[in-house]
Amino acid sequence: MTATQDFVTKMWDDSIVPALSDFVRIPALSPAFDANWSGHGHLDEAAKLMKNWADALGIPGMTSEILQLEGRTPLLFIEIPGDTDDTVMLYGHFDKQPEAEGWWEGFGPWTPRVHDDKLYGRGSGDDGYALFAELAAIQAVRAQGGKVARCVVIIEGSEESGSPDLPPYIEHLSERIGTPSLIVCLDSGCGNYDQLWCTTSLRGNIVGNLTIDILKDGVHSGGASGVVPSSFRILRQLLSRIEDQETGRVLVDELWAEISPERKEQVQKAAEILGDSVRANFPWVEGARPVVDDPAELIFNRTLRPTLSVTGIEGAPPLREAGNVLRPKTAVKLSFRTSPGADCAAGAAALKKILEADPPYSAHVRFNAEPGAGFDAPELAPWMANALAEGSQKYFGKDVVYMGEGGSIPFMGLLGKLYPEAQFLITGVLGPHSNAHGPNEFLHLPAVKRCTACVADVLAAHATR
């Protein structure tokens, strides 16, 4: 334990933090947020930084290559010969979310800063550290004479856009990848920084634009109101078809899936550990409260049940520019999270049918959506369960915890179908206040070092199982 901890800590302090800081400086926005990503070259720069760092480690027999299929974002592919014939796939991404507003003074999205044992900057925690931690874990095992199976490392450049470029790469590389018996993903979250958290499930995601047109042009509200229905009122009526406005319960059956007894038990244990922190981790305004008070119900809601969020709006001018005009249209972006086992394609089709059918006042209503599959991890093999339990006790001093995550990692759903016999280690350090996608994103350094050591133990156990 001490040897692994010492090796990992030294590698993080001496090599990874400086390299990861350089990565933070690169504004490598995902294609969804940078239409000219190819011309700007930031994704290429991020891929090259990671490749150069990996090459400098001098891992015997390792090969690395930056691939770029026509019209696709770049992908870093690394192969490391193993001590066994099995294959481990390790995953990460180097594309980033937009800057966001609200960074503290002296901090910024492209300004790496270590403060209070945290590395601040966009992409530090989501998920730029993955490559560095994964290779450090491999090196930690090898440094002590341990065995590691053959490893393939895939670091993509479109995850924050829903991983549209990844399936073509997986198909292109299928023969070189082989059939992994273990898949490691460090792009997930944790309930606290005091123990190892393993992700058991990920909700699916359906994102679509709902547009309501009622007029060809805006008109004076004094002359038209009472005759022309407001497009916003029509929006309210349509949303009531798919969501209970009092409770937030999604009313579309296709977005739901049954919750197993094992998952229910895991939720109860996580709720006992987290308690009120389930709600306290969010930046509430004074006096605001969650939808329910029970921590277990909140975990069910954010990890295993479907939800609806309105994440964008068009057709409404800023308040300072709004006059007495009845607007001709309202368009909103709807983001649905679905139960992990739900069929998202069927869900998207059901939503379109419900929202477009018999529109109020014969308005023109359109809903177009892109579904992204969720993921429900297979049952843990005994060797995996033991490695996780022992690793969490050794490096964190507390039990491992299993819990679903409310977000999506599109790649996991794809891999679950491609490699149904594989074991999945999905974990990460996106914990309380780490604020991925928002201002002041950080990577908790003590936790990520311990997490890296746990990954090393899992790799060693896999090779000798």
Protein backbone atom coordinates (compact mmCIF):
# COMPACT_ATOMS: atom_id res chain seq x y z
CA MET A 1 0.00 0.00 0.00
CA THR A 2 2.71 2.48 0.98
CA ALA A 3 4.73 1.78 -2.16
CA THR A 4 1.71 2.36 -4.39
CA GLN A 5 0.73 5.53 -2.55
CA ASP A 6 4.26 6.91 -2.69
CA PHE A 7 4.66 6.14 -6.39
CA VAL A 8 1.30 7.65 -7.33
CA THR A 9 1.79 10.75 -5.17
CA LYS A 10 5.22 11.46 -6.63
CA MET A 11 4.00 10.99 -10.19
CA TRP A 12 1.08 13.32 -9.61
CA ASP A 13 3.15 16.01 -7.91
CA ASP A 14 6.18 15.92 -10.20
CA SER A 15 4.67 15.15 -13.59
CA ILE A 16 0.91 15.08 -13.82
CA VAL A 17 -0.08 18.35 -12.15
CA PRO A 18 2.30 20.40 -14.38
CA ALA A 19 1.10 18.61 -17.54
CA LEU A 20 -2.55 18.86 -16.54
CA SER A 21 -2.06 22.56 -15.85
CA ASP A 22 -0.80 22.98 -19.41
CA PHE A 23 -3.89 21.12 -20.60
CA VAL A 24 -6.16 23.53 -18.68
CA ARG A 25 -4.63 26.42 -20.64
CA ILE A 26 -5.93 25.02 -23.94
CA PRO A 27 -9.48 26.24 -24.79
CA ALA A 28 -10.35 22.91 -26.40
CA LEU A 29 -14.09 23.43 -26.69
CA SER A 30 -16.17 20.50 -27.84
CA PRO A 31 -17.61 20.79 -31.38
CA ALA A 32 -21.09 21.59 -30.06
CA PHE A 33 -19.64 24.83 -28.65
CA ASP A 34 -17.07 25.70 -31.34
CA ALA A 35 -18.27 25.40 -34.93
CA ASN A 36 -14.75 26.18 -36.16
CA TRP A 37 -12.99 23.69 -33.87
CA SER A 38 -10.96 22.34 -36.78
CA GLY A 39 -9.68 25.75 -37.79
CA HIS A 40 -8.86 26.79 -34.24
CA GLY A 41 -6.84 23.60 -33.68
CA HIS A 42 -7.33 23.46 -29.92
CA LEU A 43 -8.53 19.85 -29.91
CA ASP A 44 -5.45 18.87 -31.91
CA GLU A 45 -3.26 20.73 -29.44
CA ALA A 46 -4.85 18.93 -26.48
CA ALA A 47 -4.41 15.53 -28.13
CA LYS A 48 -0.75 16.26 -28.91
CA LEU A 49 -0.06 17.40 -25.34
CA MET A 50 -1.40 14.13 -23.97
CA LYS A 51 0.42 12.04 -26.56
CA ASN A 52 3.74 13.75 -25.89
CA TRP A 53 3.37 13.27 -22.14
CA ALA A 54 2.51 9.59 -22.56
CA ASP A 55 5.42 9.02 -24.96
CA ALA A 56 7.86 10.64 -22.51
CA LEU A 57 7.04 7.98 -19.89
CA GLY A 58 9.01 5.46 -21.91
CA ILE A 59 6.64 2.55 -21.24
CA PRO A 60 8.23 -0.51 -22.91
CA GLY A 61 6.46 -1.51 -26.12
CA MET A 62 3.89 1.27 -25.94
CA THR A 63 2.64 2.79 -29.18
CA SER A 64 0.56 5.95 -29.49
CA GLU A 65 -1.24 7.50 -32.41
CA ILE A 66 -3.54 10.45 -33.01
CA LEU A 67 -6.20 9.32 -35.46
CA GLN A 68 -8.53 11.60 -37.39
CA LEU A 69 -11.21 10.18 -39.62
CA GLU A 70 -12.55 12.56 -42.24
CA GLY A 71 -14.81 15.17 -40.69
CA ARG A 72 -14.27 13.81 -37.18
CA THR A 73 -12.56 15.19 -34.10
CA PRO A 74 -9.13 13.68 -33.32
CA LEU A 75 -8.75 10.63 -31.09
CA LEU A 76 -5.68 9.48 -29.15
CA PHE A 77 -5.18 5.72 -29.28
CA ILE A 78 -2.53 4.02 -27.14
CA GLU A 79 -1.60 0.33 -26.99
CA ILE A 80 0.49 -1.14 -24.16
CA PRO A 81 1.60 -4.79 -24.31
CA GLY A 82 0.48 -6.86 -21.34
CA ASP A 83 1.59 -9.69 -19.12
CA THR A 84 -1.59 -11.64 -19.96
CA ASP A 85 -3.69 -12.18 -23.08
CA ASP A 86 -6.64 -10.26 -21.63
CA THR A 87 -7.39 -6.70 -22.70
CA VAL A 88 -8.26 -3.66 -20.59
CA MET A 89 -9.82 -0.62 -22.24
CA LEU A 90 -9.26 2.72 -20.49
CA TYR A 91 -11.26 5.77 -21.53
CA GLY A 92 -11.18 9.55 -21.25
CA HIS A 93 -11.78 12.73 -23.26
CA PHE A 94 -9.95 16.00 -23.88
CA ASP A 95 -12.78 18.19 -25.21
CA LYS A 96 -14.27 20.74 -22.85
CA GLN A 97 -17.40 22.64 -21.95
CA PRO A 98 -17.61 26.42 -22.54
CA GLU A 99 -16.03 28.89 -20.13
CA ALA A 100 -19.13 29.87 -18.08
CA GLU A 101 -19.43 33.07 -16.07
CA GLY A 102 -18.84 33.50 -12.35
CA TRP A 103 -15.19 32.50 -11.87
CA TRP A 104 -13.69 33.89 -8.69
CA GLU A 105 -11.21 36.73 -8.90
CA GLY A 106 -7.79 35.32 -9.74
CA PHE A 107 -9.30 32.14 -11.20
CA GLY A 108 -10.38 31.43 -14.74
CA PRO A 109 -11.29 28.63 -17.15
CA TRP A 110 -7.95 28.71 -18.95
CA THR A 111 -5.86 29.77 -15.94
CA PRO A 112 -4.70 26.73 -13.96
CA ARG A 113 -4.32 27.37 -10.27
CA VAL A 114 -3.64 25.05 -7.37
CA HIS A 115 -5.42 26.26 -4.25
CA ASP A 116 -6.37 24.37 -1.10
CA ASP A 117 -5.29 21.01 -2.59
CA LYS A 118 -7.42 21.57 -5.69
CA LEU A 119 -6.41 22.23 -9.29
CA TYR A 120 -8.82 24.79 -10.73
CA GLY A 121 -9.54 25.26 -14.43
CA ARG A 122 -11.81 24.00 -17.18
CA GLY A 123 -11.26 20.33 -17.96
CA SER A 124 -9.18 19.61 -14.87
CA GLY A 125 -11.86 17.37 -13.35
CA ASP A 126 -13.99 16.73 -16.44
CA ASP A 127 -12.12 14.75 -17.63
CA GLY A 128 -8.61 15.85 -18.59
CA TYR A 129 -7.01 13.97 -15.74
CA ALA A 130 -8.19 10.53 -16.93
CA LEU A 131 -5.28 9.71 -19.26
CA PHE A 132 -2.73 10.80 -16.67
CA ALA A 133 -4.35 8.83 -13.84
CA GLU A 134 -4.79 5.71 -15.98
CA LEU A 135 -1.19 5.58 -17.13
CA ALA A 136 0.00 6.38 -13.61
CA ALA A 137 -1.99 3.40 -12.31
CA ILE A 138 -0.39 1.11 -14.90
CA GLN A 139 3.05 2.42 -14.01
CA ALA A 140 2.41 1.99 -10.29
CA VAL A 141 1.67 -1.73 -10.73
CA ARG A 142 4.66 -2.29 -12.99
CA ALA A 143 6.99 -0.38 -10.66
CA GLN A 144 6.35 -2.99 -7.98
CA GLY A 145 6.80 -5.95 -10.31
CA GLY A 146 3.08 -6.56 -10.65
CA LYS A 147 1.27 -7.76 -13.74
CA VAL A 148 -1.10 -5.80 -15.97
CA ALA A 149 -3.08 -7.14 -18.91
CA ARG A 150 -2.74 -5.63 -22.37
CA CYS A 151 -4.12 -2.10 -22.28
CA VAL A 152 -5.73 0.04 -24.96
CA VAL A 153 -6.33 3.68 -24.07
CA ILE A 154 -8.94 5.71 -25.96
CA ILE A 155 -9.09 9.46 -25.36
CA GLU A 156 -11.72 11.13 -27.52
CA GLY A 157 -12.56 14.69 -28.54
CA SER A 158 -16.36 14.84 -28.74
CA GLU A 159 -17.69 13.56 -25.39
CA GLU A 160 -19.12 16.91 -24.30
CA SER A 161 -21.09 16.94 -27.57
CA GLY A 162 -22.57 13.49 -26.91
CA SER A 163 -19.68 11.46 -28.41
CA PRO A 164 -21.01 11.53 -32.01
CA ASP A 165 -17.53 10.79 -33.38
CA LEU A 166 -16.73 7.86 -31.13
CA PRO A 167 -18.77 5.01 -32.70
CA PRO A 168 -17.00 5.39 -36.08
CA TYR A 169 -13.64 5.22 -34.31
CA ILE A 170 -14.65 2.14 -32.32
CA GLU A 171 -15.68 0.44 -35.55
CA HIS A 172 -12.47 1.57 -37.26
CA LEU A 173 -10.34 0.25 -34.39
CA SER A 174 -12.35 -2.86 -33.54
CA GLU A 175 -9.67 -5.36 -34.58
CA ARG A 176 -6.93 -3.44 -32.77
CA ILE A 177 -9.06 -3.11 -29.63
CA GLY A 178 -10.02 -6.78 -29.41
CA THR A 179 -12.49 -7.85 -26.75
CA PRO A 180 -11.89 -6.10 -23.43
CA SER A 181 -12.67 -8.02 -20.25
CA LEU A 182 -12.30 -4.86 -18.14
CA ILE A 183 -13.32 -1.30 -19.06
CA VAL A 184 -12.13 1.64 -16.96
CA CYS A 185 -13.76 5.08 -17.15
CA LEU A 186 -12.77 7.93 -14.82
CA ASP A 187 -15.33 10.44 -16.10
CA SER A 188 -17.83 10.02 -13.28
CA GLY A 189 -18.64 11.47 -9.89
CA CYS A 190 -18.37 10.84 -6.17
CA GLY A 191 -20.61 11.61 -3.23
CA ASN A 192 -17.69 12.84 -1.13
CA TYR A 193 -13.91 12.85 -1.28
CA ASP A 194 -13.48 10.49 1.66
CA GLN A 195 -14.03 7.10 0.01
CA LEU A 196 -14.16 5.32 -3.33
CA TRP A 197 -17.43 5.77 -5.23
CA CYS A 198 -18.26 3.37 -8.05
CA THR A 199 -20.92 4.29 -10.58
CA THR A 200 -23.52 1.56 -11.06
CA SER A 201 -25.68 3.31 -13.64
CA LEU A 202 -25.98 6.38 -15.84
CA ARG A 203 -29.19 7.97 -16.98
CA GLY A 204 -29.91 8.30 -20.68
CA ASN A 205 -30.34 11.71 -22.26
CA ILE A 206 -32.80 13.04 -24.83
CA VAL A 207 -32.08 16.61 -25.94
CA GLY A 208 -34.42 18.33 -28.34
CA ASN A 209 -35.77 21.66 -29.55
CA LEU A 210 -39.47 22.41 -29.12
CA THR A 211 -40.68 25.26 -31.35
CA ILE A 212 -44.12 26.91 -31.26
CA ASP A 213 -45.11 29.34 -34.05
CA ILE A 214 -48.42 31.19 -33.81
CA LEU A 215 -47.82 34.35 -35.91
CA LYS A 216 -45.67 35.30 -38.88
CA ASP A 217 -44.59 38.54 -37.19
CA GLY A 218 -44.76 40.15 -33.77
CA VAL A 219 -47.75 42.41 -33.14
CA HIS A 220 -48.83 45.03 -30.62
CA SER A 221 -49.88 43.19 -27.47
CA GLY A 222 -52.60 45.72 -26.73
CA GLY A 223 -54.34 45.01 -30.00
CA ALA A 224 -53.72 41.27 -30.27
CA SER A 225 -53.87 39.89 -26.74
CA GLY A 226 -57.18 38.18 -26.11
CA VAL A 227 -57.39 37.30 -29.79
CA VAL A 228 -54.01 35.68 -30.47
CA PRO A 229 -52.95 33.08 -27.88
CA SER A 230 -49.49 33.62 -26.44
CA SER A 231 -46.89 31.18 -27.75
CA PHE A 232 -45.62 30.98 -24.18
CA ARG A 233 -49.04 29.84 -22.93
CA ILE A 234 -49.07 27.17 -25.63
CA LEU A 235 -45.63 26.08 -24.40
CA ARG A 236 -47.01 25.76 -20.86
CA GLN A 237 -49.85 23.58 -22.09
CA LEU A 238 -47.51 21.31 -24.06
CA LEU A 239 -45.11 20.87 -21.16
CA SER A 240 -48.02 19.85 -18.93
CA ARG A 241 -48.57 16.89 -21.26
CA ILE A 242 -45.18 15.45 -20.37
CA GLU A 243 -44.47 16.67 -16.83
CA ASP A 244 -46.48 17.09 -13.65
CA GLN A 245 -45.84 20.76 -12.86
CA GLU A 246 -46.44 20.24 -9.13
CA THR A 247 -44.07 17.30 -8.55
CA GLY A 248 -41.80 17.25 -11.61
CA ARG A 249 -42.76 13.64 -12.36
CA VAL A 250 -42.29 12.82 -16.04
CA LEU A 251 -45.54 11.49 -17.50
CA VAL A 252 -44.12 9.58 -20.49
CA ASP A 253 -43.89 5.85 -19.72
CA GLU A 254 -41.15 5.22 -22.30
CA LEU A 255 -38.68 7.29 -20.24
CA TRP A 256 -39.05 5.02 -17.21
CA ALA A 257 -37.50 1.66 -16.37
CA GLU A 258 -37.88 -0.67 -13.40
CA ILE A 259 -35.46 -0.19 -10.49
CA SER A 260 -33.92 -3.45 -9.25
CA PRO A 261 -33.81 -4.42 -5.56
CA GLU A 262 -29.99 -4.20 -5.64
CA ARG A 263 -30.09 -0.61 -6.86
CA LYS A 264 -32.67 0.29 -4.21
CA GLU A 265 -30.42 -1.14 -1.51
CA GLN A 266 -27.43 0.79 -2.86
CA VAL A 267 -29.44 4.02 -2.82
CA GLN A 268 -30.41 3.52 0.81
CA LYS A 269 -26.78 2.95 1.84
CA ALA A 270 -25.61 6.02 -0.09
CA ALA A 271 -28.34 8.09 1.54
CA GLU A 272 -27.21 6.99 5.00
CA ILE A 273 -23.67 8.16 4.19
CA LEU A 274 -24.55 11.43 2.49
CA GLY A 275 -27.54 12.56 4.54
CA ASP A 276 -28.36 16.22 4.09
CA SER A 277 -25.32 16.78 1.85
CA VAL A 278 -27.40 15.44 -1.06
CA ARG A 279 -29.19 18.79 -1.08
CA ALA A 280 -26.51 20.93 0.55
CA ASN A 281 -24.07 20.47 -2.34
CA PHE A 282 -26.02 22.90 -4.53
CA PRO A 283 -25.81 26.73 -4.46
CA TRP A 284 -29.36 27.45 -3.30
CA VAL A 285 -30.66 30.96 -2.90
CA GLU A 286 -31.66 31.77 0.64
CA GLY A 287 -34.77 29.91 1.75
CA ALA A 288 -35.02 27.63 -1.31
CA ARG A 289 -35.69 23.93 -0.79
CA PRO A 290 -35.48 20.70 -2.82
CA VAL A 291 -38.44 18.88 -4.32
CA VAL A 292 -38.52 16.50 -1.32
CA ASP A 293 -36.57 16.29 1.94
CA ASP A 294 -35.77 12.57 2.09
CA PRO A 295 -32.12 12.03 0.95
CA ALA A 296 -32.93 8.60 -0.49
CA GLU A 297 -35.77 10.01 -2.59
CA LEU A 298 -33.45 12.75 -3.84
CA ILE A 299 -30.87 10.15 -4.90
CA PHE A 300 -33.57 8.12 -6.65
CA ASN A 301 -34.69 11.28 -8.44
CA ARG A 302 -31.24 12.33 -9.65
CA THR A 303 -29.89 8.91 -10.62
CA LEU A 304 -32.66 6.45 -11.52
CA ARG A 305 -35.80 8.40 -12.42
CA PRO A 306 -36.50 10.51 -15.52
CA THR A 307 -36.53 14.30 -15.31
CA LEU A 308 -37.10 17.30 -17.56
CA SER A 309 -35.05 20.51 -17.64
CA VAL A 310 -35.56 23.54 -19.89
CA THR A 311 -31.99 24.57 -20.69
CA GLY A 312 -32.43 27.24 -23.36
CA ILE A 313 -34.95 29.62 -24.91
CA GLU A 314 -35.29 31.59 -28.13
CA GLY A 315 -37.85 34.09 -29.30
CA ALA A 316 -37.82 36.12 -26.10
CA PRO A 317 -35.82 39.37 -26.07
CA PRO A 318 -33.78 40.44 -23.03
CA LEU A 319 -35.83 42.33 -20.45
CA ARG A 320 -34.22 45.65 -21.30
CA GLU A 321 -35.33 45.27 -24.92
CA ALA A 322 -38.78 43.78 -24.33
CA GLY A 323 -41.65 46.02 -25.42
CA ASN A 324 -45.41 45.63 -25.63
CA VAL A 325 -45.14 43.02 -28.36
CA LEU A 326 -46.96 39.71 -28.60
CA ARG A 327 -44.17 37.47 -29.81
CA PRO A 328 -44.72 35.28 -32.88
CA LYS A 329 -42.88 32.22 -31.56
CA THR A 330 -41.26 30.56 -28.58
CA ALA A 331 -38.59 27.87 -28.86
CA VAL A 332 -37.00 26.00 -25.97
CA LYS A 333 -34.34 23.35 -25.59
CA LEU A 334 -35.59 20.43 -23.53
CA SER A 335 -33.17 18.09 -21.78
CA PHE A 336 -34.68 14.83 -20.56
CA ARG A 337 -32.78 12.42 -18.33
CA THR A 338 -34.18 8.92 -18.61
CA SER A 339 -34.03 5.89 -16.34
CA PRO A 340 -30.83 3.90 -17.03
CA GLY A 341 -32.67 0.98 -18.62
CA ALA A 342 -35.09 3.02 -20.73
CA ASP A 343 -35.09 2.84 -24.54
CA CYS A 344 -34.14 6.42 -25.40
CA ALA A 345 -34.98 6.08 -29.10
CA ALA A 346 -38.50 4.94 -28.20
CA GLY A 347 -38.68 7.73 -25.65
CA ALA A 348 -37.74 10.39 -28.19
CA ALA A 349 -40.37 9.07 -30.60
CA ALA A 350 -43.03 9.10 -27.87
CA LEU A 351 -42.18 12.68 -26.90
CA LYS A 352 -42.45 13.85 -30.50
CA LYS A 353 -45.83 12.20 -30.90
CA ILE A 354 -47.21 13.65 -27.66
CA LEU A 355 -45.90 17.19 -28.18
CA GLU A 356 -46.88 17.54 -31.83
CA ALA A 357 -50.33 15.90 -31.67
CA ASP A 358 -53.39 18.18 -31.88
CA PRO A 359 -51.50 21.42 -31.06
CA PRO A 360 -53.45 24.05 -29.09
CA TYR A 361 -55.07 26.67 -31.35
CA SER A 362 -53.63 24.80 -34.37
CA ALA A 363 -50.27 26.44 -33.76
CA HIS A 364 -47.29 25.07 -35.65
CA VAL A 365 -45.42 22.82 -33.22
CA ARG A 366 -42.20 20.95 -33.95
CA PHE A 367 -40.08 18.77 -31.71
CA ASN A 368 -36.79 17.27 -32.90
CA ALA A 369 -34.57 15.34 -30.50
CA GLU A 370 -31.38 13.30 -30.31
CA PRO A 371 -31.43 10.31 -27.92
CA GLY A 372 -28.39 9.10 -25.98
CA ALA A 373 -28.50 5.72 -24.28
CA GLY A 374 -28.11 5.24 -20.55
CA PHE A 375 -26.13 2.48 -18.87
CA ASP A 376 -26.70 -0.11 -16.17
CA ALA A 377 -23.53 -1.92 -15.08
CA PRO A 378 -23.44 -5.72 -14.98
CA GLU A 379 -23.09 -7.62 -11.73
CA LEU A 380 -19.62 -7.32 -10.19
CA ALA A 381 -17.35 -10.33 -10.43
CA PRO A 382 -16.00 -11.46 -7.03
CA TRP A 383 -12.41 -10.47 -7.87
CA MET A 384 -13.59 -6.97 -8.83
CA ALA A 385 -15.75 -6.53 -5.75
CA ASN A 386 -12.86 -7.62 -3.51
CA ALA A 387 -10.35 -5.30 -5.23
CA LEU A 388 -12.67 -2.31 -4.87
CA ALA A 389 -13.50 -3.07 -1.24
CA GLU A 390 -9.87 -3.55 -0.28
CA GLY A 391 -8.66 -0.56 -2.29
CA SER A 392 -11.13 1.82 -0.69
CA GLN A 393 -10.18 0.62 2.78
CA LYS A 394 -6.44 0.79 2.05
CA TYR A 395 -6.26 4.21 0.44
CA PHE A 396 -9.32 6.01 1.81
CA GLY A 397 -9.82 4.16 5.10
CA LYS A 398 -13.54 3.74 4.42
CA ASP A 399 -15.90 1.38 2.62
CA VAL A 400 -16.47 1.58 -1.12
CA VAL A 401 -19.88 3.00 -2.06
CA TYR A 402 -21.99 2.11 -5.10
CA MET A 403 -24.36 4.68 -6.56
CA GLY A 404 -25.78 5.71 -9.92
CA GLU A 405 -25.02 9.05 -11.53
CA GLY A 406 -27.58 11.41 -12.95
CA GLY A 407 -25.54 12.44 -15.97
CA SER A 408 -24.68 10.52 -19.10
CA ILE A 409 -21.50 9.10 -20.59
CA PRO A 410 -22.72 8.07 -24.05
CA PHE A 411 -19.71 5.82 -24.62
CA MET A 412 -20.68 3.50 -21.76
CA GLY A 413 -24.02 2.56 -23.27
CA LEU A 414 -22.28 1.70 -26.53
CA LEU A 415 -19.63 -0.38 -24.79
CA GLY A 416 -22.19 -2.17 -22.66
CA LYS A 417 -23.79 -3.48 -25.86
CA LEU A 418 -20.52 -4.25 -27.63
CA TYR A 419 -18.86 -6.03 -24.69
CA PRO A 420 -21.63 -7.52 -22.54
CA GLU A 421 -19.21 -9.87 -20.72
CA ALA A 422 -16.84 -7.11 -19.60
CA GLN A 423 -16.48 -5.76 -16.08
CA PHE A 424 -16.87 -1.99 -15.76
CA LEU A 425 -14.99 0.27 -13.37
CA ILE A 426 -16.69 3.64 -13.68
CA THR A 427 -15.54 6.09 -11.06
CA GLY A 428 -14.20 9.61 -10.74
CA VAL A 429 -13.74 12.61 -8.50
CA LEU A 430 -16.44 14.99 -9.70
CA GLY A 431 -17.69 15.49 -6.17
CA PRO A 432 -19.24 18.23 -4.04
CA HIS A 433 -18.74 21.71 -5.49
CA SER A 434 -16.28 20.47 -8.16
CA ASN A 435 -18.60 22.27 -10.59
CA ALA A 436 -17.91 20.57 -13.90
CA HIS A 437 -19.52 22.60 -16.72
CA GLY A 438 -19.74 25.63 -14.44
CA PRO A 439 -17.43 28.29 -13.00
CA ASN A 440 -14.59 27.35 -10.65
CA GLU A 441 -14.30 23.74 -11.82
CA PHE A 442 -11.66 21.90 -9.83
CA LEU A 443 -9.91 18.57 -9.44
CA HIS A 444 -9.58 17.39 -5.83
CA LEU A 445 -5.92 16.30 -5.74
CA PRO A 446 -5.84 14.14 -2.57
CA ALA A 447 -8.93 12.24 -3.75
CA VAL A 448 -7.65 11.70 -7.29
CA LYS A 449 -4.36 10.33 -5.97
CA ARG A 450 -6.22 7.79 -3.83
CA CYS A 451 -8.51 6.98 -6.74
CA THR A 452 -5.48 6.38 -8.97
CA ALA A 453 -4.08 3.93 -6.41
CA CYS A 454 -7.42 2.08 -6.33
CA VAL A 455 -7.36 1.76 -10.12
CA ALA A 456 -3.86 0.30 -9.85
CA ASP A 457 -5.15 -2.35 -7.44
CA VAL A 458 -8.00 -3.25 -9.78
CA LEU A 459 -5.60 -3.61 -12.73
CA ALA A 460 -3.35 -5.87 -10.68
CA ALA A 461 -6.28 -7.98 -9.49
CA HIS A 462 -7.62 -8.29 -13.03
CA ALA A 463 -4.31 -9.63 -14.31
CA THR A 464 -4.06 -12.26 -11.59
CA ARG A 465 -7.71 -13.24 -11.13
